[in-house]
N, C-alpha and C. Protein backbone atom coordinates (compact mmCIF):
# COMPACT_ATOMS: atom_id res chain seq x y z
N MET A 1 80.43 95.50 47.11
CA MET A 1 79.30 94.62 47.30
C MET A 1 79.71 93.16 47.35
N LEU A 2 80.54 92.72 46.43
CA LEU A 2 80.89 91.31 46.39
C LEU A 2 81.70 90.88 47.60
N GLY A 3 82.30 91.81 48.30
CA GLY A 3 83.05 91.46 49.50
C GLY A 3 82.21 90.70 50.50
N GLN A 4 80.90 90.98 50.53
CA GLN A 4 80.03 90.26 51.46
C GLN A 4 79.97 88.77 51.15
N PHE A 5 80.35 88.36 49.93
CA PHE A 5 80.36 86.96 49.55
C PHE A 5 81.74 86.35 49.70
N GLY A 6 82.68 87.12 50.18
CA GLY A 6 84.02 86.61 50.40
C GLY A 6 84.81 86.42 49.13
N THR A 7 84.53 87.21 48.10
CA THR A 7 85.23 86.99 46.85
C THR A 7 86.07 88.17 46.40
N ALA A 8 85.60 89.35 46.54
CA ALA A 8 86.32 90.49 45.97
C ALA A 8 87.47 90.93 46.87
N ARG A 9 88.59 91.17 46.22
CA ARG A 9 89.77 91.74 46.87
C ARG A 9 90.24 90.96 48.10
N GLN A 10 90.16 89.65 48.04
CA GLN A 10 90.71 88.83 49.10
C GLN A 10 91.73 87.89 48.51
N SER A 11 92.78 87.63 49.26
CA SER A 11 93.73 86.64 48.79
C SER A 11 93.16 85.26 49.07
N PRO A 12 93.57 84.26 48.28
CA PRO A 12 93.03 82.92 48.47
C PRO A 12 93.38 82.36 49.83
N ALA A 13 92.43 81.73 50.44
CA ALA A 13 92.62 81.03 51.70
C ALA A 13 91.83 79.74 51.61
N ALA A 14 92.16 78.80 52.45
CA ALA A 14 91.44 77.52 52.43
C ALA A 14 89.95 77.78 52.61
N GLY A 15 89.15 77.22 51.71
CA GLY A 15 87.71 77.36 51.81
C GLY A 15 87.16 78.68 51.31
N SER A 16 88.00 79.54 50.75
CA SER A 16 87.49 80.80 50.21
C SER A 16 87.82 80.88 48.73
N ALA A 17 87.12 81.76 48.06
CA ALA A 17 87.36 81.94 46.64
C ALA A 17 88.64 82.73 46.43
N PRO A 18 89.34 82.46 45.32
CA PRO A 18 90.55 83.22 45.02
C PRO A 18 90.19 84.63 44.57
N ALA A 19 91.20 85.47 44.52
CA ALA A 19 91.00 86.84 44.05
C ALA A 19 90.59 86.81 42.58
N PRO A 20 89.60 87.63 42.19
CA PRO A 20 89.17 87.64 40.79
C PRO A 20 90.19 88.32 39.90
N ALA A 21 90.10 88.04 38.60
CA ALA A 21 90.94 88.71 37.62
C ALA A 21 90.56 90.18 37.55
N LEU A 22 89.28 90.47 37.78
CA LEU A 22 88.77 91.83 37.74
C LEU A 22 87.63 91.93 38.74
N SER A 23 87.62 92.97 39.53
CA SER A 23 86.53 93.21 40.46
C SER A 23 86.18 94.69 40.39
N HIS A 24 84.92 94.97 40.11
CA HIS A 24 84.50 96.35 40.00
C HIS A 24 83.09 96.48 40.55
N GLY A 25 82.97 97.12 41.68
CA GLY A 25 81.65 97.36 42.25
C GLY A 25 80.90 96.08 42.54
N ARG A 26 79.88 95.83 41.75
CA ARG A 26 79.01 94.67 41.97
C ARG A 26 79.37 93.47 41.11
N HIS A 27 80.53 93.48 40.48
CA HIS A 27 80.92 92.40 39.57
C HIS A 27 82.33 91.90 39.89
N ALA A 28 82.52 90.61 39.69
CA ALA A 28 83.85 90.01 39.76
C ALA A 28 83.96 89.04 38.60
N LEU A 29 85.14 88.98 38.00
CA LEU A 29 85.39 88.15 36.83
C LEU A 29 86.56 87.22 37.12
N TYR A 30 86.37 85.94 36.79
CA TYR A 30 87.41 84.93 36.95
C TYR A 30 87.61 84.24 35.62
N TYR A 31 88.85 83.76 35.38
CA TYR A 31 89.13 82.96 34.19
C TYR A 31 89.67 81.61 34.60
N THR A 32 89.21 80.59 33.87
CA THR A 32 89.75 79.26 34.04
C THR A 32 90.67 79.00 32.85
N PRO A 33 91.67 78.19 32.98
CA PRO A 33 92.00 77.31 34.08
C PRO A 33 92.82 77.96 35.20
N GLU A 34 93.13 79.26 35.06
CA GLU A 34 93.94 79.91 36.10
C GLU A 34 93.27 79.80 37.47
N VAL A 35 91.94 79.83 37.49
CA VAL A 35 91.18 79.68 38.72
C VAL A 35 90.28 78.45 38.56
N ASN A 36 90.40 77.53 39.46
CA ASN A 36 89.54 76.35 39.47
C ASN A 36 88.12 76.80 39.82
N PRO A 37 87.13 76.51 38.96
CA PRO A 37 85.76 76.95 39.24
C PRO A 37 85.22 76.51 40.60
N GLU A 38 85.67 75.36 41.07
CA GLU A 38 85.23 74.89 42.40
C GLU A 38 85.61 75.90 43.48
N ARG A 39 86.75 76.57 43.31
CA ARG A 39 87.22 77.53 44.33
C ARG A 39 86.36 78.78 44.35
N VAL A 40 85.57 79.00 43.31
CA VAL A 40 84.61 80.11 43.28
C VAL A 40 83.25 79.61 43.75
N ASP A 41 82.76 78.54 43.12
CA ASP A 41 81.39 78.08 43.37
C ASP A 41 81.18 77.51 44.78
N VAL A 42 82.04 76.62 45.21
CA VAL A 42 81.79 75.89 46.47
C VAL A 42 81.70 76.84 47.67
N PRO A 43 82.63 77.77 47.87
CA PRO A 43 82.49 78.66 49.04
C PRO A 43 81.21 79.51 49.00
N LEU A 44 80.81 79.94 47.80
CA LEU A 44 79.61 80.75 47.69
C LEU A 44 78.36 79.93 47.94
N LEU A 45 78.30 78.73 47.41
CA LEU A 45 77.16 77.86 47.64
C LEU A 45 77.08 77.45 49.11
N THR A 46 78.21 77.34 49.75
CA THR A 46 78.26 77.01 51.18
C THR A 46 77.59 78.09 52.02
N LYS A 47 77.66 79.33 51.55
CA LYS A 47 77.08 80.47 52.27
C LYS A 47 75.64 80.78 51.85
N ALA A 48 75.14 80.11 50.81
CA ALA A 48 73.82 80.43 50.27
C ALA A 48 72.72 80.23 51.30
N ARG A 49 71.74 81.10 51.23
CA ARG A 49 70.57 81.04 52.12
C ARG A 49 69.31 81.21 51.28
N GLY A 50 68.21 80.69 51.77
CA GLY A 50 66.92 80.90 51.12
C GLY A 50 66.67 79.97 49.95
N HIS A 51 67.32 80.25 48.82
CA HIS A 51 67.10 79.44 47.62
C HIS A 51 68.35 79.46 46.74
N ILE A 52 68.44 78.46 45.89
CA ILE A 52 69.42 78.43 44.80
C ILE A 52 68.67 77.97 43.56
N ASP A 53 68.68 78.79 42.52
CA ASP A 53 68.13 78.42 41.22
C ASP A 53 69.32 78.21 40.29
N ALA A 54 69.45 77.00 39.76
CA ALA A 54 70.63 76.64 38.97
C ALA A 54 70.24 76.08 37.62
N ALA A 55 70.82 76.62 36.56
CA ALA A 55 70.64 76.12 35.20
C ALA A 55 72.00 75.62 34.73
N PHE A 56 72.12 74.29 34.59
CA PHE A 56 73.41 73.68 34.28
C PHE A 56 73.35 72.89 32.98
N TYR A 57 74.14 73.29 32.01
CA TYR A 57 74.28 72.50 30.79
C TYR A 57 74.97 71.18 31.13
N SER A 58 76.16 71.27 31.66
CA SER A 58 76.91 70.10 32.10
C SER A 58 77.04 70.17 33.61
N PHE A 59 76.87 69.02 34.27
CA PHE A 59 76.91 69.02 35.73
C PHE A 59 77.52 67.71 36.21
N THR A 60 78.85 67.69 36.24
CA THR A 60 79.57 66.49 36.68
C THR A 60 80.58 66.79 37.78
N ASP A 61 80.56 67.99 38.31
CA ASP A 61 81.54 68.36 39.33
C ASP A 61 81.04 67.96 40.72
N LYS A 62 81.66 66.95 41.29
CA LYS A 62 81.23 66.39 42.57
C LYS A 62 81.30 67.39 43.73
N PRO A 63 82.38 68.16 43.92
CA PRO A 63 82.40 69.13 45.02
C PRO A 63 81.28 70.18 44.94
N THR A 64 80.95 70.62 43.72
CA THR A 64 79.86 71.58 43.57
C THR A 64 78.52 70.92 43.90
N ALA A 65 78.33 69.69 43.44
CA ALA A 65 77.11 68.96 43.77
C ALA A 65 76.99 68.75 45.27
N GLU A 66 78.09 68.43 45.92
CA GLU A 66 78.07 68.23 47.37
C GLU A 66 77.74 69.52 48.10
N ALA A 67 78.22 70.66 47.58
CA ALA A 67 77.88 71.96 48.18
C ALA A 67 76.39 72.26 48.02
N LEU A 68 75.81 71.92 46.87
CA LEU A 68 74.37 72.09 46.68
C LEU A 68 73.58 71.18 47.62
N LEU A 69 74.04 69.95 47.76
CA LEU A 69 73.36 69.02 48.66
C LEU A 69 73.45 69.50 50.11
N ALA A 70 74.60 69.99 50.51
CA ALA A 70 74.76 70.52 51.87
C ALA A 70 73.83 71.71 52.09
N ALA A 71 73.71 72.57 51.08
CA ALA A 71 72.78 73.71 51.19
C ALA A 71 71.36 73.20 51.37
N ALA A 72 70.96 72.21 50.57
CA ALA A 72 69.61 71.64 50.71
C ALA A 72 69.41 71.04 52.09
N ASN A 73 70.44 70.39 52.60
CA ASN A 73 70.34 69.79 53.94
C ASN A 73 70.24 70.85 55.04
N ARG A 74 70.68 72.08 54.75
CA ARG A 74 70.54 73.20 55.68
C ARG A 74 69.18 73.88 55.55
N GLY A 75 68.37 73.44 54.60
CA GLY A 75 67.05 74.02 54.40
C GLY A 75 66.93 74.95 53.22
N VAL A 76 68.01 75.14 52.46
CA VAL A 76 67.96 75.97 51.26
C VAL A 76 67.16 75.22 50.19
N LYS A 77 66.23 75.91 49.54
CA LYS A 77 65.45 75.33 48.44
C LYS A 77 66.28 75.38 47.17
N VAL A 78 66.59 74.22 46.62
CA VAL A 78 67.46 74.11 45.44
C VAL A 78 66.64 73.61 44.26
N ARG A 79 66.65 74.41 43.17
CA ARG A 79 66.01 73.99 41.93
C ARG A 79 67.11 73.90 40.87
N ILE A 80 67.20 72.73 40.23
CA ILE A 80 68.23 72.50 39.22
C ILE A 80 67.54 72.22 37.89
N TYR A 81 67.89 73.01 36.87
CA TYR A 81 67.32 72.86 35.54
C TYR A 81 68.44 72.42 34.60
N ARG A 82 68.18 71.36 33.83
CA ARG A 82 69.24 70.75 33.02
C ARG A 82 68.90 70.70 31.54
N ASP A 83 69.93 70.65 30.73
CA ASP A 83 69.82 70.40 29.30
C ASP A 83 69.45 68.94 29.09
N HIS A 84 68.55 68.68 28.16
CA HIS A 84 68.04 67.32 27.91
C HIS A 84 69.15 66.34 27.52
N GLU A 85 69.88 66.66 26.47
CA GLU A 85 70.89 65.73 25.97
C GLU A 85 72.02 65.50 26.97
N GLN A 86 72.52 66.57 27.57
CA GLN A 86 73.60 66.42 28.55
C GLN A 86 73.15 65.59 29.75
N PHE A 87 71.94 65.85 30.22
CA PHE A 87 71.42 65.09 31.36
C PHE A 87 71.35 63.60 31.03
N GLN A 88 70.82 63.28 29.85
CA GLN A 88 70.70 61.87 29.46
C GLN A 88 72.07 61.21 29.31
N ASP A 89 73.02 61.90 28.69
CA ASP A 89 74.37 61.36 28.52
C ASP A 89 75.05 61.13 29.87
N GLU A 90 74.94 62.10 30.76
CA GLU A 90 75.58 61.98 32.08
C GLU A 90 74.93 60.86 32.89
N LYS A 91 73.63 60.74 32.78
CA LYS A 91 72.90 59.70 33.52
C LYS A 91 73.33 58.30 33.05
N LYS A 92 73.54 58.14 31.74
CA LYS A 92 74.00 56.85 31.20
C LYS A 92 75.42 56.52 31.67
N ARG A 93 76.30 57.53 31.64
CA ARG A 93 77.70 57.31 32.03
C ARG A 93 77.83 57.05 33.52
N ASN A 94 77.15 57.86 34.32
CA ASN A 94 77.27 57.73 35.77
C ASN A 94 76.11 58.48 36.42
N PRO A 95 75.13 57.75 36.96
CA PRO A 95 73.95 58.40 37.54
C PRO A 95 74.19 59.01 38.92
N TYR A 96 75.44 59.05 39.36
CA TYR A 96 75.76 59.54 40.70
C TYR A 96 75.19 60.92 40.98
N MET A 97 75.34 61.85 40.03
CA MET A 97 74.93 63.23 40.27
C MET A 97 73.44 63.36 40.52
N THR A 98 72.64 62.60 39.79
CA THR A 98 71.19 62.64 40.01
C THR A 98 70.82 61.88 41.26
N ASN A 99 71.43 60.72 41.43
CA ASN A 99 71.09 59.87 42.58
C ASN A 99 71.41 60.52 43.92
N MET A 100 72.44 61.35 43.97
CA MET A 100 72.83 61.95 45.25
C MET A 100 71.75 62.89 45.80
N PHE A 101 70.89 63.42 44.93
CA PHE A 101 69.83 64.32 45.37
C PHE A 101 68.51 63.60 45.64
N ALA A 102 68.43 62.33 45.27
CA ALA A 102 67.18 61.57 45.35
C ALA A 102 66.61 61.60 46.77
N GLY A 103 65.33 61.93 46.83
CA GLY A 103 64.63 61.92 48.10
C GLY A 103 64.82 63.15 48.96
N ASN A 104 65.70 64.07 48.56
CA ASN A 104 65.89 65.28 49.36
C ASN A 104 64.74 66.24 49.07
N ARG A 105 63.93 66.51 50.07
CA ARG A 105 62.72 67.33 49.87
C ARG A 105 63.02 68.77 49.48
N ASN A 106 64.26 69.22 49.67
CA ASN A 106 64.62 70.59 49.32
C ASN A 106 65.23 70.72 47.93
N VAL A 107 65.32 69.61 47.20
CA VAL A 107 65.91 69.64 45.86
C VAL A 107 64.86 69.23 44.84
N GLN A 108 64.68 70.08 43.85
CA GLN A 108 63.83 69.77 42.70
C GLN A 108 64.70 69.80 41.46
N ILE A 109 64.48 68.85 40.56
CA ILE A 109 65.25 68.78 39.32
C ILE A 109 64.28 68.63 38.15
N ARG A 110 64.48 69.49 37.15
CA ARG A 110 63.72 69.39 35.91
C ARG A 110 64.69 69.42 34.75
N VAL A 111 64.29 68.72 33.69
CA VAL A 111 65.09 68.65 32.48
C VAL A 111 64.27 69.23 31.34
N LYS A 112 64.89 70.04 30.53
CA LYS A 112 64.21 70.62 29.38
C LYS A 112 63.67 69.50 28.51
N GLY A 113 62.37 69.56 28.22
CA GLY A 113 61.73 68.51 27.43
C GLY A 113 62.16 68.52 25.98
N SER A 114 62.38 69.68 25.43
CA SER A 114 62.81 69.84 24.05
C SER A 114 64.30 69.50 23.94
N ARG A 115 64.67 69.02 22.77
CA ARG A 115 66.09 68.71 22.55
C ARG A 115 66.88 69.96 22.10
N ALA A 116 66.19 71.10 21.98
CA ALA A 116 66.90 72.35 21.68
C ALA A 116 67.80 72.67 22.87
N LEU A 117 69.00 73.08 22.59
CA LEU A 117 70.03 73.28 23.60
C LEU A 117 69.64 74.25 24.71
N MET A 118 69.89 73.86 25.95
CA MET A 118 69.83 74.74 27.12
C MET A 118 71.27 74.87 27.57
N HIS A 119 71.91 75.96 27.25
CA HIS A 119 73.37 76.06 27.38
C HIS A 119 73.82 76.95 28.54
N LEU A 120 72.92 77.33 29.43
CA LEU A 120 73.30 78.18 30.55
C LEU A 120 74.20 77.44 31.54
N LYS A 121 75.05 78.18 32.18
CA LYS A 121 75.91 77.70 33.26
C LYS A 121 75.84 78.75 34.35
N ALA A 122 74.70 78.81 35.00
CA ALA A 122 74.44 79.91 35.92
C ALA A 122 73.64 79.44 37.12
N TRP A 123 73.82 80.16 38.21
CA TRP A 123 72.96 79.94 39.38
C TRP A 123 72.81 81.26 40.11
N SER A 124 71.71 81.35 40.88
CA SER A 124 71.48 82.54 41.69
C SER A 124 71.04 82.11 43.07
N THR A 125 71.32 82.98 44.00
CA THR A 125 70.84 82.85 45.36
C THR A 125 70.55 84.27 45.83
N GLU A 126 70.08 84.41 47.03
CA GLU A 126 69.73 85.76 47.50
C GLU A 126 70.95 86.68 47.43
N GLY A 127 70.87 87.66 46.53
CA GLY A 127 71.91 88.68 46.43
C GLY A 127 73.08 88.35 45.54
N LEU A 128 73.04 87.22 44.81
CA LEU A 128 74.19 86.85 43.99
C LEU A 128 73.77 86.08 42.74
N LEU A 129 74.40 86.42 41.62
CA LEU A 129 74.26 85.69 40.36
C LEU A 129 75.64 85.22 39.93
N ARG A 130 75.73 83.94 39.59
CA ARG A 130 76.95 83.38 39.00
C ARG A 130 76.62 82.99 37.57
N ASP A 131 77.36 83.50 36.62
CA ASP A 131 77.11 83.24 35.21
C ASP A 131 78.46 83.03 34.53
N GLY A 132 78.47 82.91 33.24
CA GLY A 132 79.71 82.77 32.49
C GLY A 132 79.69 81.55 31.61
N SER A 133 80.83 81.24 31.01
CA SER A 133 80.91 80.12 30.09
C SER A 133 81.38 78.83 30.75
N SER A 134 81.80 78.89 32.00
CA SER A 134 82.35 77.72 32.68
C SER A 134 81.25 76.77 33.14
N ASN A 135 81.31 75.54 32.64
CA ASN A 135 80.39 74.50 33.07
C ASN A 135 80.65 74.12 34.52
N LEU A 136 79.70 73.39 35.09
CA LEU A 136 79.86 72.83 36.43
C LEU A 136 80.27 71.38 36.21
N SER A 137 81.47 71.21 35.69
CA SER A 137 81.97 69.89 35.33
C SER A 137 83.39 69.73 35.81
N ALA A 138 83.78 68.48 35.93
CA ALA A 138 85.16 68.18 36.33
C ALA A 138 86.14 68.72 35.29
N ALA A 139 85.77 68.69 34.02
CA ALA A 139 86.66 69.15 32.95
C ALA A 139 86.84 70.66 32.93
N ALA A 140 85.90 71.41 33.50
CA ALA A 140 85.94 72.88 33.42
C ALA A 140 87.21 73.47 34.00
N LYS A 141 87.79 72.81 34.98
CA LYS A 141 89.00 73.36 35.60
C LYS A 141 90.21 73.33 34.69
N HIS A 142 90.09 72.68 33.50
CA HIS A 142 91.19 72.60 32.54
C HIS A 142 90.88 73.38 31.27
N GLN A 143 89.72 74.01 31.19
CA GLN A 143 89.28 74.69 29.97
C GLN A 143 89.45 76.21 30.09
N ASP A 144 89.41 76.88 28.96
CA ASP A 144 89.44 78.34 28.92
C ASP A 144 88.01 78.85 28.97
N ASN A 145 87.59 79.34 30.14
CA ASN A 145 86.23 79.80 30.36
C ASN A 145 86.23 81.01 31.28
N SER A 146 85.04 81.53 31.49
CA SER A 146 84.90 82.66 32.42
C SER A 146 83.81 82.36 33.44
N ILE A 147 83.95 83.00 34.59
CA ILE A 147 82.93 83.00 35.63
C ILE A 147 82.71 84.46 36.00
N ILE A 148 81.47 84.87 35.96
CA ILE A 148 81.12 86.25 36.28
C ILE A 148 80.19 86.23 37.48
N LEU A 149 80.54 86.95 38.50
CA LEU A 149 79.69 87.10 39.68
C LEU A 149 79.10 88.50 39.68
N SER A 150 77.83 88.57 40.03
CA SER A 150 77.17 89.88 40.09
C SER A 150 76.28 89.95 41.32
N SER A 151 76.32 91.06 41.98
CA SER A 151 75.37 91.34 43.07
C SER A 151 74.39 92.43 42.66
N ASP A 152 74.31 92.71 41.35
CA ASP A 152 73.39 93.70 40.82
C ASP A 152 71.97 93.14 40.86
N ALA A 153 71.08 93.79 41.57
CA ALA A 153 69.71 93.29 41.77
C ALA A 153 68.96 93.12 40.44
N ASP A 154 69.15 94.02 39.48
CA ASP A 154 68.46 93.91 38.20
C ASP A 154 68.94 92.68 37.42
N GLU A 155 70.24 92.40 37.46
CA GLU A 155 70.77 91.23 36.77
C GLU A 155 70.29 89.94 37.43
N ILE A 156 70.26 89.91 38.74
CA ILE A 156 69.76 88.73 39.46
C ILE A 156 68.29 88.51 39.12
N GLN A 157 67.52 89.59 39.14
CA GLN A 157 66.09 89.49 38.84
C GLN A 157 65.86 89.01 37.41
N ALA A 158 66.66 89.49 36.46
CA ALA A 158 66.51 89.07 35.06
C ALA A 158 66.79 87.57 34.92
N PHE A 159 67.85 87.09 35.57
CA PHE A 159 68.13 85.65 35.51
C PHE A 159 67.01 84.85 36.16
N GLU A 160 66.55 85.28 37.32
CA GLU A 160 65.52 84.52 38.02
C GLU A 160 64.20 84.52 37.24
N LYS A 161 63.92 85.59 36.50
CA LYS A 161 62.74 85.61 35.64
C LYS A 161 62.90 84.60 34.51
N LYS A 162 64.05 84.60 33.86
CA LYS A 162 64.33 83.65 32.78
C LYS A 162 64.30 82.22 33.33
N PHE A 163 64.90 82.00 34.48
CA PHE A 163 64.91 80.67 35.09
C PHE A 163 63.48 80.18 35.34
N THR A 164 62.64 81.04 35.89
CA THR A 164 61.25 80.67 36.18
C THR A 164 60.50 80.32 34.90
N GLU A 165 60.74 81.08 33.83
CA GLU A 165 60.12 80.77 32.54
C GLU A 165 60.55 79.38 32.05
N MET A 166 61.84 79.08 32.14
CA MET A 166 62.31 77.76 31.72
C MET A 166 61.74 76.68 32.63
N TRP A 167 61.77 76.91 33.92
CA TRP A 167 61.30 75.96 34.92
C TRP A 167 59.84 75.57 34.69
N ASN A 168 59.03 76.52 34.25
CA ASN A 168 57.59 76.30 34.09
C ASN A 168 57.17 75.83 32.71
N ARG A 169 58.09 75.49 31.85
CA ARG A 169 57.73 74.99 30.52
C ARG A 169 56.89 73.72 30.68
N PRO A 170 55.80 73.63 29.94
CA PRO A 170 54.91 72.48 30.11
C PRO A 170 55.50 71.15 29.66
N ASP A 171 56.52 71.18 28.79
CA ASP A 171 57.10 69.92 28.31
C ASP A 171 58.32 69.47 29.11
N ASN A 172 58.64 70.15 30.20
CA ASN A 172 59.77 69.74 31.03
C ASN A 172 59.56 68.33 31.57
N ILE A 173 60.66 67.66 31.80
CA ILE A 173 60.64 66.35 32.45
C ILE A 173 60.97 66.58 33.91
N ILE A 174 60.06 66.17 34.77
CA ILE A 174 60.27 66.34 36.22
C ILE A 174 60.99 65.10 36.74
N ILE A 175 62.19 65.32 37.26
CA ILE A 175 62.99 64.22 37.80
C ILE A 175 62.64 64.00 39.26
N GLN A 176 62.52 65.09 39.97
CA GLN A 176 62.06 65.02 41.38
C GLN A 176 61.61 66.38 41.83
């Protein structure tokens, strides 16, 4: 199943994801720092169609942000949900990540209103869920983390249900 996303059982090539540490049926597993998370996320986001629902604790990785912006510019509906404290800290240090999406009608951004941690590092698109412990940050490529890809419809549906619940919280801060 994951072969349709260009990830399972392929050797690394320019613009494609590297071979996973483990690939079984509808799942692929990667470990960082052996695999740069950008080499997994960017090619998959480049192929995304329809929608991308993303819950990011930390979000400072410019190539991943550019892939999301390119998807939005292709007409993909992108919803980004952020942790309150991380969003505020990143915005103070460098507002580039938020500013790059400003005015794009296909990008919506909400921040958890509560200061209780939103620690997910996951996104979904039609037919694919990306989860794991790896943040979408520049530092993630040097950390010990995991990235799990799934094309299991029940797992994708469970994430999208949870995402929608978080997205619709009445105390969320709407950025755009």
